[in-house]
Amino acid sequence: MTLLAVFTTLPNAESARELAQMLVERGLVACAQIDVVDSIYRWDGAIQHDQEHRLMLKTTSERYPALEATICEHHPYELPAVYAVPVSQALPPYAEWVTAQTGP
């Protein structure tokens, strides 16, 4: 089993907190952290500048498909950024906690 750090961005603090809460309650993630970020990107042919709220979600590779589907279903963006980074090293008791929180 691989631990993952999954990232997505949301337009405001309220939507970020609501999604984070739902994902933890459903056992799809063990923890969600919210950061405010300034985003500069191209969308609809124009450069956009927005303040967004980035979620870093801690989960396992086994839970990723359900997590991705849930994020896409409840995300307010037409095309949400959803991507995962494998965690190559983690404190073993912490990895066990993440696994236990996201297990069946």
N, C-alpha and C. Protein backbone atom coordinates (compact mmCIF):
# COMPACT_ATOMS: atom_id res chain seq x y z
N MET A 1 0.84 -1.17 0.00
CA MET A 1 0.00 0.00 0.00
C MET A 1 0.89 1.24 0.00
N THR A 2 0.51 2.24 -0.78
CA THR A 2 1.28 3.46 -0.89
C THR A 2 0.51 4.61 -0.27
N LEU A 3 1.20 5.40 0.55
CA LEU A 3 0.59 6.63 1.05
C LEU A 3 0.65 7.66 -0.06
N LEU A 4 -0.39 8.50 -0.13
CA LEU A 4 -0.45 9.56 -1.12
C LEU A 4 -0.74 10.90 -0.46
N ALA A 5 -0.17 11.94 -1.02
CA ALA A 5 -0.59 13.31 -0.73
C ALA A 5 -1.34 13.77 -1.97
N VAL A 6 -2.63 14.04 -1.81
CA VAL A 6 -3.49 14.42 -2.94
C VAL A 6 -3.79 15.91 -2.81
N PHE A 7 -3.75 16.60 -3.95
CA PHE A 7 -3.95 18.05 -3.95
C PHE A 7 -5.11 18.44 -4.85
N THR A 8 -5.82 19.46 -4.41
CA THR A 8 -6.83 20.13 -5.23
C THR A 8 -6.95 21.55 -4.73
N THR A 9 -7.51 22.43 -5.54
CA THR A 9 -7.73 23.81 -5.12
C THR A 9 -9.20 24.16 -5.25
N LEU A 10 -9.64 25.05 -4.35
CA LEU A 10 -11.03 25.49 -4.33
C LEU A 10 -11.08 27.01 -4.29
N PRO A 11 -12.24 27.58 -4.65
CA PRO A 11 -12.30 29.03 -4.80
C PRO A 11 -12.35 29.83 -3.51
N ASN A 12 -12.73 29.19 -2.40
CA ASN A 12 -12.85 29.95 -1.15
C ASN A 12 -12.73 29.01 0.06
N ALA A 13 -12.57 29.63 1.23
CA ALA A 13 -12.36 28.86 2.46
C ALA A 13 -13.56 27.98 2.79
N GLU A 14 -14.76 28.49 2.58
CA GLU A 14 -15.96 27.72 2.92
C GLU A 14 -16.05 26.43 2.11
N SER A 15 -15.85 26.52 0.80
CA SER A 15 -15.94 25.30 -0.02
C SER A 15 -14.79 24.34 0.30
N ALA A 16 -13.61 24.87 0.63
CA ALA A 16 -12.49 24.01 1.00
C ALA A 16 -12.78 23.27 2.30
N ARG A 17 -13.30 23.97 3.29
CA ARG A 17 -13.62 23.33 4.58
C ARG A 17 -14.73 22.29 4.42
N GLU A 18 -15.74 22.62 3.64
CA GLU A 18 -16.86 21.67 3.44
C GLU A 18 -16.38 20.39 2.77
N LEU A 19 -15.57 20.52 1.73
CA LEU A 19 -15.07 19.33 1.04
C LEU A 19 -14.14 18.54 1.95
N ALA A 20 -13.25 19.22 2.65
CA ALA A 20 -12.33 18.54 3.57
C ALA A 20 -13.10 17.76 4.63
N GLN A 21 -14.09 18.39 5.23
CA GLN A 21 -14.91 17.74 6.26
C GLN A 21 -15.58 16.48 5.71
N MET A 22 -16.18 16.59 4.53
CA MET A 22 -16.87 15.45 3.94
C MET A 22 -15.90 14.30 3.67
N LEU A 23 -14.72 14.61 3.15
CA LEU A 23 -13.75 13.56 2.81
C LEU A 23 -13.24 12.84 4.05
N VAL A 24 -13.03 13.58 5.13
CA VAL A 24 -12.60 12.96 6.39
C VAL A 24 -13.75 12.12 6.96
N GLU A 25 -14.96 12.67 6.97
CA GLU A 25 -16.11 11.93 7.51
C GLU A 25 -16.34 10.62 6.75
N ARG A 26 -16.12 10.61 5.47
CA ARG A 26 -16.35 9.41 4.65
C ARG A 26 -15.17 8.43 4.70
N GLY A 27 -14.12 8.79 5.41
CA GLY A 27 -12.96 7.91 5.53
C GLY A 27 -12.13 7.81 4.27
N LEU A 28 -12.28 8.79 3.38
CA LEU A 28 -11.49 8.79 2.16
C LEU A 28 -10.11 9.37 2.39
N VAL A 29 -9.98 10.22 3.41
CA VAL A 29 -8.69 10.79 3.78
C VAL A 29 -8.57 10.74 5.31
N ALA A 30 -7.35 10.66 5.76
CA ALA A 30 -7.10 10.68 7.21
C ALA A 30 -7.05 12.11 7.73
N CYS A 31 -6.62 13.03 6.87
CA CYS A 31 -6.39 14.41 7.28
C CYS A 31 -6.47 15.29 6.05
N ALA A 32 -6.94 16.51 6.25
CA ALA A 32 -6.95 17.51 5.18
C ALA A 32 -6.37 18.80 5.73
N GLN A 33 -5.48 19.40 4.99
CA GLN A 33 -4.91 20.69 5.38
C GLN A 33 -5.24 21.71 4.31
N ILE A 34 -5.52 22.93 4.75
CA ILE A 34 -5.95 24.00 3.85
C ILE A 34 -4.94 25.13 3.91
N ASP A 35 -4.45 25.54 2.73
CA ASP A 35 -3.55 26.68 2.58
C ASP A 35 -4.18 27.67 1.62
N VAL A 36 -3.92 28.94 1.83
CA VAL A 36 -4.31 29.96 0.87
C VAL A 36 -3.15 30.14 -0.11
N VAL A 37 -3.45 30.11 -1.40
CA VAL A 37 -2.43 30.26 -2.43
C VAL A 37 -2.88 31.28 -3.47
N ASP A 38 -1.92 31.95 -4.07
CA ASP A 38 -2.19 32.82 -5.21
C ASP A 38 -1.92 32.01 -6.46
N SER A 39 -2.92 31.90 -7.31
CA SER A 39 -2.80 31.10 -8.53
C SER A 39 -2.81 31.98 -9.76
N ILE A 40 -1.91 31.69 -10.67
CA ILE A 40 -1.85 32.36 -11.97
C ILE A 40 -1.89 31.25 -13.00
N TYR A 41 -2.87 31.29 -13.89
CA TYR A 41 -3.06 30.20 -14.84
C TYR A 41 -3.80 30.72 -16.07
N ARG A 42 -3.75 29.94 -17.13
CA ARG A 42 -4.48 30.28 -18.36
C ARG A 42 -5.79 29.49 -18.38
N TRP A 43 -6.89 30.19 -18.59
CA TRP A 43 -8.20 29.54 -18.69
C TRP A 43 -9.05 30.32 -19.68
N ASP A 44 -9.70 29.63 -20.57
CA ASP A 44 -10.53 30.26 -21.59
C ASP A 44 -9.76 31.32 -22.38
N GLY A 45 -8.50 31.03 -22.66
CA GLY A 45 -7.69 31.90 -23.49
C GLY A 45 -7.16 33.15 -22.82
N ALA A 46 -7.35 33.27 -21.51
CA ALA A 46 -6.87 34.47 -20.80
C ALA A 46 -6.09 34.05 -19.56
N ILE A 47 -5.14 34.91 -19.18
CA ILE A 47 -4.39 34.68 -17.95
C ILE A 47 -5.26 35.10 -16.78
N GLN A 48 -5.41 34.20 -15.83
CA GLN A 48 -6.23 34.45 -14.64
C GLN A 48 -5.33 34.60 -13.42
N HIS A 49 -5.75 35.44 -12.50
CA HIS A 49 -5.07 35.63 -11.21
C HIS A 49 -6.14 35.48 -10.14
N ASP A 50 -6.02 34.47 -9.31
CA ASP A 50 -7.03 34.22 -8.27
C ASP A 50 -6.38 33.78 -6.98
N GLN A 51 -7.02 34.12 -5.89
CA GLN A 51 -6.64 33.53 -4.61
C GLN A 51 -7.49 32.28 -4.46
N GLU A 52 -6.83 31.16 -4.20
CA GLU A 52 -7.54 29.89 -4.04
C GLU A 52 -7.14 29.26 -2.71
N HIS A 53 -7.85 28.21 -2.36
CA HIS A 53 -7.56 27.45 -1.14
C HIS A 53 -7.18 26.04 -1.57
N ARG A 54 -5.93 25.69 -1.27
CA ARG A 54 -5.40 24.38 -1.67
C ARG A 54 -5.61 23.38 -0.54
N LEU A 55 -6.16 22.23 -0.90
CA LEU A 55 -6.28 21.12 0.04
C LEU A 55 -5.14 20.16 -0.21
N MET A 56 -4.46 19.76 0.86
CA MET A 56 -3.54 18.64 0.82
C MET A 56 -4.21 17.53 1.62
N LEU A 57 -4.46 16.42 0.96
CA LEU A 57 -5.23 15.33 1.53
C LEU A 57 -4.34 14.11 1.70
N LYS A 58 -4.40 13.49 2.86
CA LYS A 58 -3.54 12.34 3.16
C LYS A 58 -4.38 11.07 3.10
N THR A 59 -3.97 10.18 2.21
CA THR A 59 -4.74 8.97 1.97
C THR A 59 -3.82 7.85 1.48
N THR A 60 -4.42 6.79 0.97
CA THR A 60 -3.68 5.65 0.42
C THR A 60 -4.05 5.45 -1.04
N SER A 61 -3.20 4.71 -1.74
CA SER A 61 -3.46 4.43 -3.15
C SER A 61 -4.76 3.65 -3.34
N GLU A 62 -5.12 2.82 -2.37
CA GLU A 62 -6.37 2.05 -2.46
C GLU A 62 -7.59 2.96 -2.43
N ARG A 63 -7.51 4.07 -1.70
CA ARG A 63 -8.66 4.97 -1.57
C ARG A 63 -8.71 6.03 -2.67
N TYR A 64 -7.61 6.15 -3.45
CA TYR A 64 -7.56 7.22 -4.44
C TYR A 64 -8.72 7.21 -5.43
N PRO A 65 -9.09 6.10 -6.05
CA PRO A 65 -10.18 6.15 -7.03
C PRO A 65 -11.48 6.72 -6.45
N ALA A 66 -11.86 6.28 -5.26
CA ALA A 66 -13.08 6.80 -4.64
C ALA A 66 -12.91 8.26 -4.24
N LEU A 67 -11.72 8.62 -3.78
CA LEU A 67 -11.45 10.01 -3.42
C LEU A 67 -11.55 10.91 -4.64
N GLU A 68 -10.92 10.53 -5.73
CA GLU A 68 -10.97 11.33 -6.95
C GLU A 68 -12.41 11.50 -7.43
N ALA A 69 -13.17 10.42 -7.44
CA ALA A 69 -14.57 10.48 -7.89
C ALA A 69 -15.39 11.42 -7.01
N THR A 70 -15.17 11.36 -5.71
CA THR A 70 -15.93 12.20 -4.78
C THR A 70 -15.55 13.67 -4.95
N ILE A 71 -14.26 13.94 -5.10
CA ILE A 71 -13.83 15.33 -5.33
C ILE A 71 -14.50 15.86 -6.60
N CYS A 72 -14.42 15.11 -7.69
CA CYS A 72 -15.00 15.57 -8.96
C CYS A 72 -16.50 15.77 -8.87
N GLU A 73 -17.18 14.91 -8.12
CA GLU A 73 -18.63 15.01 -7.98
C GLU A 73 -19.05 16.27 -7.21
N HIS A 74 -18.25 16.68 -6.24
CA HIS A 74 -18.64 17.79 -5.35
C HIS A 74 -17.86 19.08 -5.58
N HIS A 75 -16.96 19.09 -6.54
CA HIS A 75 -16.10 20.25 -6.77
C HIS A 75 -16.83 21.32 -7.57
N PRO A 76 -16.68 22.59 -7.20
CA PRO A 76 -17.39 23.64 -7.93
C PRO A 76 -16.76 24.00 -9.28
N TYR A 77 -15.52 23.60 -9.54
CA TYR A 77 -14.87 23.97 -10.80
C TYR A 77 -15.29 23.03 -11.92
N GLU A 78 -15.34 23.56 -13.13
CA GLU A 78 -15.61 22.77 -14.32
C GLU A 78 -14.53 21.70 -14.52
N LEU A 79 -13.28 22.09 -14.29
CA LEU A 79 -12.14 21.17 -14.43
C LEU A 79 -11.24 21.32 -13.20
N PRO A 80 -11.52 20.56 -12.16
CA PRO A 80 -10.69 20.69 -10.96
C PRO A 80 -9.31 20.05 -11.14
N ALA A 81 -8.32 20.67 -10.55
CA ALA A 81 -6.99 20.06 -10.48
C ALA A 81 -7.06 19.01 -9.37
N VAL A 82 -6.81 17.78 -9.72
CA VAL A 82 -6.75 16.69 -8.74
C VAL A 82 -5.56 15.84 -9.12
N TYR A 83 -4.57 15.79 -8.23
CA TYR A 83 -3.38 14.99 -8.52
C TYR A 83 -2.80 14.46 -7.23
N ALA A 84 -2.08 13.35 -7.35
CA ALA A 84 -1.52 12.67 -6.18
C ALA A 84 -0.02 12.54 -6.32
N VAL A 85 0.65 12.65 -5.20
CA VAL A 85 2.09 12.47 -5.13
C VAL A 85 2.35 11.32 -4.14
N PRO A 86 3.05 10.28 -4.57
CA PRO A 86 3.34 9.19 -3.64
C PRO A 86 4.30 9.67 -2.54
N VAL A 87 4.05 9.19 -1.35
CA VAL A 87 4.91 9.48 -0.20
C VAL A 87 5.92 8.35 -0.11
N SER A 88 7.17 8.67 -0.42
CA SER A 88 8.18 7.61 -0.47
C SER A 88 8.70 7.23 0.92
N GLN A 89 8.65 8.15 1.86
CA GLN A 89 9.10 7.88 3.22
C GLN A 89 8.12 8.52 4.20
N ALA A 90 7.79 7.80 5.25
CA ALA A 90 6.92 8.33 6.30
C ALA A 90 7.22 7.61 7.61
N LEU A 91 7.07 8.30 8.69
CA LEU A 91 7.22 7.70 10.00
C LEU A 91 6.26 6.51 10.08
N PRO A 92 6.73 5.30 10.36
CA PRO A 92 5.86 4.13 10.33
C PRO A 92 4.57 4.26 11.16
N PRO A 93 4.61 4.76 12.40
CA PRO A 93 3.35 4.88 13.12
C PRO A 93 2.37 5.85 12.45
N TYR A 94 2.90 6.90 11.81
CA TYR A 94 2.04 7.84 11.09
C TYR A 94 1.41 7.15 9.88
N ALA A 95 2.21 6.41 9.13
CA ALA A 95 1.68 5.69 7.96
C ALA A 95 0.59 4.70 8.40
N GLU A 96 0.79 4.04 9.52
CA GLU A 96 -0.21 3.12 10.04
C GLU A 96 -1.49 3.86 10.41
N TRP A 97 -1.36 5.07 10.98
CA TRP A 97 -2.53 5.86 11.35
C TRP A 97 -3.33 6.24 10.09
N VAL A 98 -2.62 6.73 9.05
CA VAL A 98 -3.31 7.09 7.81
C VAL A 98 -4.05 5.88 7.25
N THR A 99 -3.39 4.74 7.22
CA THR A 99 -3.99 3.51 6.71
C THR A 99 -5.22 3.11 7.53
N ALA A 100 -5.11 3.21 8.85
CA ALA A 100 -6.25 2.85 9.71
C ALA A 100 -7.43 3.79 9.53
N GLN A 101 -7.15 5.08 9.33
CA GLN A 101 -8.23 6.05 9.18
C GLN A 101 -8.95 5.94 7.86
N THR A 102 -8.29 5.39 6.86
CA THR A 102 -8.88 5.30 5.53
C THR A 102 -9.26 3.88 5.13
N GLY A 103 -9.10 2.96 6.05
CA GLY A 103 -9.41 1.56 5.77
C GLY A 103 -10.90 1.26 5.88
N PRO A 104 -11.26 0.06 5.51
CA PRO A 104 -12.69 -0.33 5.57
C PRO A 104 -13.21 -0.40 7.00
